[in-house]
Amino acid sequence: MASTMFGMTGQQNNGFDIQKFQNDLNNLKATGMNPEQMIQNLMNQGKITQQQYEVACQKARMIQQMIGPRG
């Protein structure tokens, strides 16, 4: 799933497909899963490291700044 969030088609902003990202985000929200619990499970299973998580958080903050505040 994560790799599809950064596709290179459709309406783009600096190589980032905002519409595809929004669709993927909405699909993730629709699952009803707790993202924090999902992250903890991935770290407990050794699938991601603390460093990878921190880099992802940094990228997420950049995306939030890029798309601006949401009402």
N, C-alpha and C. Protein backbone atom coordinates (compact mmCIF):
# COMPACT_ATOMS: atom_id res chain seq x y z
N MET A 1 0.81 -1.19 0.00
CA MET A 1 0.00 0.00 0.00
C MET A 1 0.86 1.26 0.00
N ALA A 2 1.88 1.30 0.81
CA ALA A 2 2.67 2.52 0.92
C ALA A 2 3.28 2.91 -0.42
N SER A 3 3.73 1.94 -1.20
CA SER A 3 4.36 2.28 -2.47
C SER A 3 3.36 2.89 -3.44
N THR A 4 2.08 2.56 -3.34
CA THR A 4 1.09 3.12 -4.25
C THR A 4 0.74 4.55 -3.90
N MET A 5 1.04 4.99 -2.70
CA MET A 5 0.67 6.34 -2.29
C MET A 5 1.50 7.40 -3.01
N PHE A 6 2.59 7.02 -3.60
CA PHE A 6 3.45 7.99 -4.25
C PHE A 6 3.53 7.74 -5.75
N GLY A 7 2.41 7.32 -6.35
CA GLY A 7 2.33 7.09 -7.79
C GLY A 7 2.60 8.38 -8.55
N MET A 8 2.91 8.24 -9.81
CA MET A 8 3.31 9.39 -10.60
C MET A 8 2.32 9.69 -11.72
N THR A 9 1.03 9.48 -11.49
CA THR A 9 0.03 9.76 -12.52
C THR A 9 -1.01 10.72 -11.98
N GLY A 10 -1.78 11.32 -12.88
CA GLY A 10 -2.88 12.19 -12.47
C GLY A 10 -2.41 13.59 -12.10
N GLN A 11 -3.27 14.32 -11.38
CA GLN A 11 -2.96 15.68 -10.94
C GLN A 11 -1.78 15.63 -9.98
N GLN A 12 -0.71 16.34 -10.34
CA GLN A 12 0.50 16.24 -9.53
C GLN A 12 0.96 17.60 -9.05
N ASN A 13 1.66 17.59 -7.95
CA ASN A 13 2.27 18.78 -7.38
C ASN A 13 3.71 18.40 -7.06
N ASN A 14 4.65 18.88 -7.88
CA ASN A 14 6.06 18.53 -7.71
C ASN A 14 6.28 17.02 -7.74
N GLY A 15 5.62 16.33 -8.66
CA GLY A 15 5.79 14.88 -8.78
C GLY A 15 4.97 14.08 -7.80
N PHE A 16 4.10 14.72 -7.04
CA PHE A 16 3.29 14.04 -6.04
C PHE A 16 1.84 14.09 -6.48
N ASP A 17 1.21 12.93 -6.61
CA ASP A 17 -0.18 12.84 -7.06
C ASP A 17 -1.10 13.03 -5.86
N ILE A 18 -1.57 14.24 -5.69
CA ILE A 18 -2.37 14.59 -4.52
C ILE A 18 -3.69 13.82 -4.51
N GLN A 19 -4.35 13.72 -5.65
CA GLN A 19 -5.64 13.03 -5.70
C GLN A 19 -5.49 11.55 -5.36
N LYS A 20 -4.45 10.91 -5.88
CA LYS A 20 -4.23 9.50 -5.58
C LYS A 20 -3.92 9.32 -4.09
N PHE A 21 -3.11 10.22 -3.55
CA PHE A 21 -2.80 10.16 -2.13
C PHE A 21 -4.07 10.27 -1.30
N GLN A 22 -4.94 11.23 -1.66
CA GLN A 22 -6.18 11.44 -0.91
C GLN A 22 -7.07 10.19 -1.00
N ASN A 23 -7.13 9.58 -2.18
CA ASN A 23 -7.92 8.36 -2.34
C ASN A 23 -7.36 7.22 -1.48
N ASP A 24 -6.05 7.06 -1.50
CA ASP A 24 -5.42 6.00 -0.70
C ASP A 24 -5.63 6.26 0.79
N LEU A 25 -5.55 7.52 1.20
CA LEU A 25 -5.77 7.87 2.60
C LEU A 25 -7.21 7.56 3.01
N ASN A 26 -8.15 7.91 2.17
CA ASN A 26 -9.56 7.62 2.46
C ASN A 26 -9.80 6.12 2.55
N ASN A 27 -9.16 5.35 1.67
CA ASN A 27 -9.29 3.89 1.73
C ASN A 27 -8.74 3.34 3.04
N LEU A 28 -7.61 3.88 3.48
CA LEU A 28 -7.01 3.45 4.75
C LEU A 28 -7.93 3.78 5.92
N LYS A 29 -8.47 5.00 5.91
CA LYS A 29 -9.39 5.40 6.98
C LYS A 29 -10.63 4.51 7.01
N ALA A 30 -11.09 4.08 5.83
CA ALA A 30 -12.31 3.27 5.74
C ALA A 30 -12.13 1.89 6.37
N THR A 31 -10.90 1.44 6.56
CA THR A 31 -10.67 0.13 7.16
C THR A 31 -11.04 0.12 8.64
N GLY A 32 -11.05 1.30 9.26
CA GLY A 32 -11.38 1.40 10.67
C GLY A 32 -10.24 0.98 11.60
N MET A 33 -9.07 0.73 11.05
CA MET A 33 -7.93 0.32 11.86
C MET A 33 -7.30 1.53 12.53
N ASN A 34 -6.73 1.30 13.69
CA ASN A 34 -6.03 2.34 14.43
C ASN A 34 -4.61 2.43 13.88
N PRO A 35 -4.26 3.54 13.22
CA PRO A 35 -2.92 3.65 12.62
C PRO A 35 -1.79 3.49 13.63
N GLU A 36 -1.98 4.00 14.84
CA GLU A 36 -0.93 3.89 15.85
C GLU A 36 -0.70 2.43 16.23
N GLN A 37 -1.78 1.66 16.33
CA GLN A 37 -1.65 0.24 16.65
C GLN A 37 -0.99 -0.51 15.49
N MET A 38 -1.34 -0.12 14.25
CA MET A 38 -0.72 -0.76 13.08
C MET A 38 0.79 -0.52 13.09
N ILE A 39 1.19 0.71 13.39
CA ILE A 39 2.62 1.05 13.44
C ILE A 39 3.32 0.25 14.53
N GLN A 40 2.69 0.19 15.71
CA GLN A 40 3.29 -0.56 16.81
C GLN A 40 3.45 -2.03 16.44
N ASN A 41 2.44 -2.59 15.78
CA ASN A 41 2.53 -3.99 15.34
C ASN A 41 3.68 -4.19 14.36
N LEU A 42 3.84 -3.28 13.42
CA LEU A 42 4.94 -3.39 12.45
C LEU A 42 6.30 -3.32 13.14
N MET A 43 6.42 -2.44 14.13
CA MET A 43 7.69 -2.33 14.86
C MET A 43 7.93 -3.57 15.70
N ASN A 44 6.89 -4.08 16.34
CA ASN A 44 7.04 -5.29 17.15
C ASN A 44 7.43 -6.50 16.31
N GLN A 45 6.94 -6.54 15.07
CA GLN A 45 7.25 -7.66 14.17
C GLN A 45 8.59 -7.48 13.46
N GLY A 46 9.24 -6.34 13.69
CA GLY A 46 10.53 -6.10 13.06
C GLY A 46 10.43 -5.72 11.59
N LYS A 47 9.24 -5.34 11.15
CA LYS A 47 9.06 -4.98 9.74
C LYS A 47 9.51 -3.55 9.46
N ILE A 48 9.49 -2.69 10.47
CA ILE A 48 10.02 -1.34 10.34
C ILE A 48 10.83 -1.02 11.60
N THR A 49 11.78 -0.12 11.44
CA THR A 49 12.60 0.31 12.58
C THR A 49 12.11 1.66 13.08
N GLN A 50 12.57 2.04 14.24
CA GLN A 50 12.24 3.36 14.78
C GLN A 50 12.71 4.45 13.82
N GLN A 51 13.88 4.26 13.24
CA GLN A 51 14.41 5.26 12.30
C GLN A 51 13.51 5.39 11.07
N GLN A 52 13.04 4.27 10.52
CA GLN A 52 12.14 4.32 9.37
C GLN A 52 10.85 5.04 9.73
N TYR A 53 10.35 4.78 10.93
CA TYR A 53 9.13 5.44 11.40
C TYR A 53 9.35 6.95 11.48
N GLU A 54 10.47 7.37 12.04
CA GLU A 54 10.75 8.79 12.18
C GLU A 54 10.87 9.48 10.82
N VAL A 55 11.50 8.82 9.85
CA VAL A 55 11.61 9.37 8.50
C VAL A 55 10.21 9.50 7.89
N ALA A 56 9.37 8.50 8.08
CA ALA A 56 8.01 8.54 7.55
C ALA A 56 7.22 9.69 8.18
N CYS A 57 7.41 9.91 9.48
CA CYS A 57 6.73 11.02 10.16
C CYS A 57 7.17 12.36 9.58
N GLN A 58 8.47 12.47 9.32
CA GLN A 58 9.00 13.70 8.74
C GLN A 58 8.38 13.94 7.36
N LYS A 59 8.28 12.91 6.54
CA LYS A 59 7.66 13.04 5.22
C LYS A 59 6.18 13.39 5.34
N ALA A 60 5.51 12.80 6.32
CA ALA A 60 4.09 13.09 6.52
C ALA A 60 3.88 14.56 6.88
N ARG A 61 4.76 15.11 7.71
CA ARG A 61 4.65 16.53 8.05
C ARG A 61 4.85 17.39 6.81
N MET A 62 5.77 17.01 5.96
CA MET A 62 6.01 17.75 4.73
C MET A 62 4.77 17.71 3.84
N ILE A 63 4.14 16.54 3.75
CA ILE A 63 2.92 16.40 2.94
C ILE A 63 1.81 17.27 3.52
N GLN A 64 1.67 17.27 4.84
CA GLN A 64 0.65 18.10 5.48
C GLN A 64 0.86 19.57 5.14
N GLN A 65 2.09 20.02 5.16
CA GLN A 65 2.39 21.40 4.83
C GLN A 65 2.09 21.68 3.35
N MET A 66 2.35 20.70 2.51
CA MET A 66 2.15 20.88 1.08
C MET A 66 0.66 20.98 0.73
N ILE A 67 -0.17 20.15 1.36
CA ILE A 67 -1.59 20.16 1.01
C ILE A 67 -2.37 21.18 1.83
N GLY A 68 -1.76 21.73 2.86
CA GLY A 68 -2.39 22.77 3.64
C GLY A 68 -3.42 22.24 4.63
N PRO A 69 -4.00 23.17 5.39
CA PRO A 69 -4.98 22.76 6.40
C PRO A 69 -6.23 22.20 5.78
N ARG A 70 -6.80 21.23 6.44
CA ARG A 70 -8.05 20.60 5.98
C ARG A 70 -9.15 20.98 6.95
N GLY A 71 -10.31 21.31 6.40
CA GLY A 71 -11.45 21.72 7.22
C GLY A 71 -12.16 20.59 7.78
